[in-house]
C-alpha atoms as a PDB file:
ATOM      1  CA  MET A   1      22.212   2.045 -21.160  1.00  0.00           C
ATOM      2  CA  LEU A   2      22.018   0.865 -17.540  1.00  0.00           C
ATOM      3  CA  ASP A   3      25.036  -1.618 -16.318  1.00  0.00           C
ATOM      4  CA  THR A   4      23.543  -4.673 -15.807  1.00  0.00           C
ATOM      5  CA  ASP A   5      22.613  -8.464 -16.659  1.00  0.00           C
ATOM      6  CA  TYR A   6      19.002  -8.068 -16.127  1.00  0.00           C
ATOM      7  CA  LYS A   7      17.001  -8.698 -19.242  1.00  0.00           C
ATOM      8  CA  LEU A   8      14.028  -6.223 -20.597  1.00  0.00           C
ATOM      9  CA  MET A   9      10.904  -7.552 -21.255  1.00  0.00           C
ATOM     10  CA  ILE A  10       8.513  -5.601 -23.490  1.00  0.00           C
ATOM     11  CA  VAL A  11       5.266  -7.448 -23.230  1.00  0.00           C
ATOM     12  CA  GLY A  12       2.088  -7.079 -25.565  1.00  0.00           C
ATOM     13  CA  SER A  13       1.136  -6.290 -28.749  1.00  0.00           C
ATOM     14  CA  GLN A  14       2.980  -2.749 -30.675  1.00  0.00           C
ATOM     15  CA  ASN A  15       0.527  -0.110 -31.115  1.00  0.00           C
ATOM     16  CA  LYS A  16       0.279   3.256 -32.982  1.00  0.00           C
ATOM     17  CA  VAL A  17       0.084   4.531 -28.848  1.00  0.00           C
ATOM     18  CA  PHE A  18       3.369   3.840 -28.560  1.00  0.00           C
ATOM     19  CA  SER A  19       5.145   4.193 -31.507  1.00  0.00           C
ATOM     20  CA  SER A  20       4.874   6.888 -34.242  1.00  0.00           C
ATOM     21  CA  GLY A  21       5.348   3.553 -36.712  1.00  0.00           C
ATOM     22  CA  ASP A  22       9.065   4.497 -37.374  1.00  0.00           C
ATOM     23  CA  ILE A  23      10.028   1.464 -35.198  1.00  0.00           C
ATOM     24  CA  ASN A  24      10.473  -1.678 -36.291  1.00  0.00           C
ATOM     25  CA  PHE A  25      10.805  -4.065 -32.987  1.00  0.00           C
ATOM     26  CA  GLU A  26      11.917  -6.691 -34.884  1.00  0.00           C
ATOM     27  CA  GLU A  27      15.015  -5.053 -36.065  1.00  0.00           C
ATOM     28  CA  ILE A  28      16.329  -4.385 -32.300  1.00  0.00           C
ATOM     29  CA  LEU A  29      18.960  -6.871 -31.880  1.00  0.00           C
ATOM     30  CA  ASN A  30      19.911  -6.325 -28.527  1.00  0.00           C
ATOM     31  CA  PRO A  31      20.215  -9.050 -26.491  1.00  0.00           C
ATOM     32  CA  HIS A  32      19.417  -8.025 -23.188  1.00  0.00           C
ATOM     33  CA  ILE A  33      16.355  -7.090 -25.323  1.00  0.00           C
ATOM     34  CA  GLU A  34      12.934  -9.008 -25.745  1.00  0.00           C
ATOM     35  CA  PHE A  35       9.467  -8.030 -27.377  1.00  0.00           C
ATOM     36  CA  THR A  36       7.322 -10.963 -26.584  1.00  0.00           C
ATOM     37  CA  GLY A  37       4.003  -9.578 -28.422  1.00  0.00           C
ATOM     38  CA  TYR A  38       0.765 -10.574 -27.041  1.00  0.00           C
ATOM     39  CA  VAL A  39       0.718 -13.181 -24.246  1.00  0.00           C
ATOM     40  CA  ASP A  40      -1.592 -15.141 -22.554  1.00  0.00           C
ATOM     41  CA  ASP A  41      -2.795 -14.653 -19.253  1.00  0.00           C
ATOM     42  CA  ASN A  42      -0.804 -17.996 -17.881  1.00  0.00           C
ATOM     43  CA  LYS A  43       2.077 -16.593 -19.892  1.00  0.00           C
ATOM     44  CA  LEU A  44       1.751 -13.342 -18.152  1.00  0.00           C
ATOM     45  CA  VAL A  45       1.388 -14.467 -14.696  1.00  0.00           C
ATOM     46  CA  GLU A  46       5.020 -16.803 -15.413  1.00  0.00           C
ATOM     47  CA  LEU A  47       6.532 -13.403 -16.524  1.00  0.00           C
ATOM     48  CA  TYR A  48       5.684 -11.751 -12.938  1.00  0.00           C
ATOM     49  CA  ASN A  49       6.607 -14.680 -11.376  1.00  0.00           C
ATOM     50  CA  ARG A  50      10.089 -14.812 -13.389  1.00  0.00           C
ATOM     51  CA  ALA A  51      10.518 -11.022 -12.661  1.00  0.00           C
ATOM     52  CA  GLU A  52      12.406  -8.743 -10.176  1.00  0.00           C
ATOM     53  CA  ILE A  53      10.546  -5.330 -11.533  1.00  0.00           C
ATOM     54  CA  PHE A  54       7.701  -4.354 -13.004  1.00  0.00           C
ATOM     55  CA  VAL A  55       7.824  -0.726 -15.163  1.00  0.00           C
ATOM     56  CA  TYR A  56       4.524   0.545 -15.819  1.00  0.00           C
ATOM     57  CA  ALA A  57       5.139   3.568 -17.289  1.00  0.00           C
ATOM     58  CA  SER A  58       1.550   5.001 -18.474  1.00  0.00           C
ATOM     59  CA  PHE A  59       0.139   7.989 -19.911  1.00  0.00           C
ATOM     60  CA  PHE A  60      -3.615   6.959 -19.617  1.00  0.00           C
ATOM     61  CA  GLU A  61      -4.518   5.271 -16.914  1.00  0.00           C
ATOM     62  CA  GLY A  62      -8.114   4.926 -15.029  1.00  0.00           C
ATOM     63  CA  PHE A  63      -6.792   2.144 -12.057  1.00  0.00           C
ATOM     64  CA  GLY A  64      -3.701   0.499 -13.401  1.00  0.00           C
ATOM     65  CA  ILE A  65      -4.484  -3.722 -12.689  1.00  0.00           C
ATOM     66  CA  PRO A  66      -1.203  -4.565 -14.110  1.00  0.00           C
ATOM     67  CA  PRO A  67       1.031  -3.408 -11.441  1.00  0.00           C
ATOM     68  CA  LEU A  68      -1.362  -4.739  -8.763  1.00  0.00           C
ATOM     69  CA  GLU A  69      -0.704  -8.305 -10.688  1.00  0.00           C
ATOM     70  CA  ALA A  70       3.073  -7.495 -10.515  1.00  0.00           C
ATOM     71  CA  GLN A  71       2.413  -7.117  -6.995  1.00  0.00           C
ATOM     72  CA  ALA A  72       0.838 -10.263  -6.041  1.00  0.00           C
ATOM     73  CA  CYS A  73       3.355 -12.131  -7.592  1.00  0.00           C
ATOM     74  CA  GLY A  74       6.330 -10.598  -5.824  1.00  0.00           C
ATOM     75  CA  CYS A  75       7.450  -7.974  -8.082  1.00  0.00           C
ATOM     76  CA  VAL A  76       8.342  -4.670  -7.721  1.00  0.00           C
ATOM     77  CA  CYS A  77       7.381  -2.054  -9.412  1.00  0.00           C
ATOM     78  CA  VAL A  78       7.576   1.322 -11.118  1.00  0.00           C
ATOM     79  CA  VAL A  79       5.012   3.109 -12.227  1.00  0.00           C
ATOM     80  CA  SER A  80       3.858   6.809 -13.668  1.00  0.00           C
ATOM     81  CA  ASN A  81       3.380   9.122 -11.570  1.00  0.00           C
ATOM     82  CA  LEU A  82       0.158  10.644 -13.457  1.00  0.00           C
ATOM     83  CA  THR A  83      -3.324   9.391 -13.141  1.00  0.00           C
ATOM     84  CA  SER A  84      -4.942   7.675 -10.390  1.00  0.00           C
ATOM     85  CA  LEU A  85      -1.624   5.181 -10.211  1.00  0.00           C
ATOM     86  CA  PRO A  86       0.055   7.509  -6.771  1.00  0.00           C
ATOM     87  CA  GLU A  87      -3.542   6.915  -5.283  1.00  0.00           C
ATOM     88  CA  VAL A  88      -4.129   3.189  -6.228  1.00  0.00           C
ATOM     89  CA  TYR A  89      -0.204   2.095  -4.711  1.00  0.00           C
ATOM     90  CA  LYS A  90       0.463   4.934  -2.538  1.00  0.00           C
ATOM     91  CA  ASP A  91       4.057   3.914  -1.142  1.00  0.00           C
ATOM     92  CA  SER A  92       4.021   0.563  -2.291  1.00  0.00           C
ATOM     93  CA  VAL A  93       5.988   1.265  -5.341  1.00  0.00           C
ATOM     94  CA  GLU A  94       9.282   3.490  -7.393  1.00  0.00           C
ATOM     95  CA  TYR A  95       7.281   6.733  -9.530  1.00  0.00           C
ATOM     96  CA  CYS A  96       9.115   7.889 -12.667  1.00  0.00           C
ATOM     97  CA  ASP A  97       7.659  10.149 -14.816  1.00  0.00           C
ATOM     98  CA  PRO A  98       6.491   8.394 -17.775  1.00  0.00           C
ATOM     99  CA  TYR A  99       7.597  11.312 -20.532  1.00  0.00           C
ATOM    100  CA  SER A 100      11.325  11.338 -19.206  1.00  0.00           C
ATOM    101  CA  ILE A 101      13.308   7.826 -20.353  1.00  0.00           C
ATOM    102  CA  ASN A 102      16.047   9.301 -17.514  1.00  0.00           C
ATOM    103  CA  SER A 103      13.644   9.516 -14.891  1.00  0.00           C
ATOM    104  CA  ILE A 104      12.792   6.046 -15.986  1.00  0.00           C
ATOM    105  CA  LYS A 105      16.543   4.350 -16.216  1.00  0.00           C
ATOM    106  CA  ASN A 106      17.373   6.270 -12.735  1.00  0.00           C
ATOM    107  CA  LYS A 107      14.431   4.277 -10.963  1.00  0.00           C
ATOM    108  CA  LEU A 108      15.186   1.301 -12.808  1.00  0.00           C
ATOM    109  CA  ASP A 109      19.044   1.858 -11.949  1.00  0.00           C
ATOM    110  CA  GLU A 110      18.350   2.803  -8.103  1.00  0.00           C
ATOM    111  CA  LEU A 111      16.132  -0.603  -7.803  1.00  0.00           C
ATOM    112  CA  ILE A 112      18.548  -2.955  -9.377  1.00  0.00           C
ATOM    113  CA  HIS A 113      21.767  -1.379  -7.167  1.00  0.00           C
ATOM    114  CA  ASN A 114      19.588  -1.381  -4.048  1.00  0.00           C
ATOM    115  CA  SER A 115      18.357  -4.987  -2.658  1.00  0.00           C
ATOM    116  CA  ASP A 116      17.062  -3.424   0.844  1.00  0.00           C
ATOM    117  CA  LYS A 117      14.597  -1.495  -1.571  1.00  0.00           C
ATOM    118  CA  LYS A 118      13.907  -3.704  -3.372  1.00  0.00           C
ATOM    119  CA  ARG A 119      12.825  -6.310  -0.531  1.00  0.00           C
ATOM    120  CA  ILE A 120      10.577  -3.451   1.251  1.00  0.00           C
ATOM    121  CA  LEU A 121       8.994  -2.306  -1.570  1.00  0.00           C
ATOM    122  CA  ARG A 122       8.020  -6.264  -2.720  1.00  0.00           C
ATOM    123  CA  LYS A 123       6.424  -6.448   1.297  1.00  0.00           C
ATOM    124  CA  LYS A 124       4.333  -3.168   0.958  1.00  0.00           C
ATOM    125  CA  GLY A 125       3.170  -4.302  -2.736  1.00  0.00           C
ATOM    126  CA  PHE A 126       1.756  -7.233  -0.342  1.00  0.00           C
ATOM    127  CA  GLU A 127       0.210  -5.165   1.767  1.00  0.00           C
ATOM    128  CA  ASN A 128      -1.141  -3.172  -0.880  1.00  0.00           C
ATOM    129  CA  ILE A 129      -2.858  -5.920  -2.989  1.00  0.00           C
ATOM    130  CA  LYS A 130      -4.263  -6.963   0.090  1.00  0.00           C
ATOM    131  CA  GLN A 131      -7.171  -3.901  -0.189  1.00  0.00           C
ATOM    132  CA  TYR A 132      -8.262  -5.055  -3.673  1.00  0.00           C
ATOM    133  CA  SER A 133      -9.873  -7.854  -4.631  1.00  0.00           C
ATOM    134  CA  TRP A 134     -13.034  -8.404  -6.926  1.00  0.00           C
ATOM    135  CA  ASP A 135     -14.995  -9.887  -3.886  1.00  0.00           C
ATOM    136  CA  LYS A 136     -14.288  -6.404  -1.762  1.00  0.00           C
ATOM    137  CA  SER A 137     -15.451  -4.493  -5.013  1.00  0.00           C
ATOM    138  CA  THR A 138     -18.720  -6.674  -5.497  1.00  0.00           C
ATOM    139  CA  LEU A 139     -19.853  -5.978  -1.753  1.00  0.00           C
ATOM    140  CA  GLN A 140     -18.926  -2.481  -2.101  1.00  0.00           C
ATOM    141  CA  LEU A 141     -20.810  -2.560  -5.767  1.00  0.00           C
ATOM    142  CA  LEU A 142     -24.059  -4.100  -3.728  1.00  0.00           C
ATOM    143  CA  ASN A 143     -23.730  -1.698  -0.745  1.00  0.00           C
ATOM    144  CA  LEU A 144     -23.837   1.176  -2.640  1.00  0.00           C
ATOM    145  CA  ILE A 145     -26.871  -0.040  -4.940  1.00  0.00           C
ATOM    146  CA  ASN A 146     -28.873  -0.992  -1.158  1.00  0.00           C
ATOM    147  CA  ARG A 147     -28.086   2.475   0.092  1.00  0.00           C
ATOM    148  CA  ILE A 148     -29.567   3.852  -3.459  1.00  0.00           C
ATOM    149  CA  LYS A 149     -32.930   1.929  -3.508  1.00  0.00           C
END
């Protein structure tokens, strides 16, 4: 348990990947935990903008757009140290072992109690998102296609 007044919001539909089905999320009664279920894009942006820390402890990831969305809204991120995420996020996030609850907890605890680190990561997050845009991706794809012709 973290010593904090922060509220944990778990966003997204329940999926068997995250649970063997033994957990009934509706039965978890804790004033510091809220399960939102699915939210639309507008609500998601609102949540990113209200959040201070975004956790993305993914086991399977090809790129990982949600942390970029969070960074664009000024949210500090804790992401999985697996798959492509370290390549995409470099030093703009804190990394956790998604198989270790203690790893996730320790990273959250560190960020909750270290405003200097949050400020630095927020700034690095804004720098990181400058590397990625749909326009840049489109131009890179067009250049690749033109080179192949």
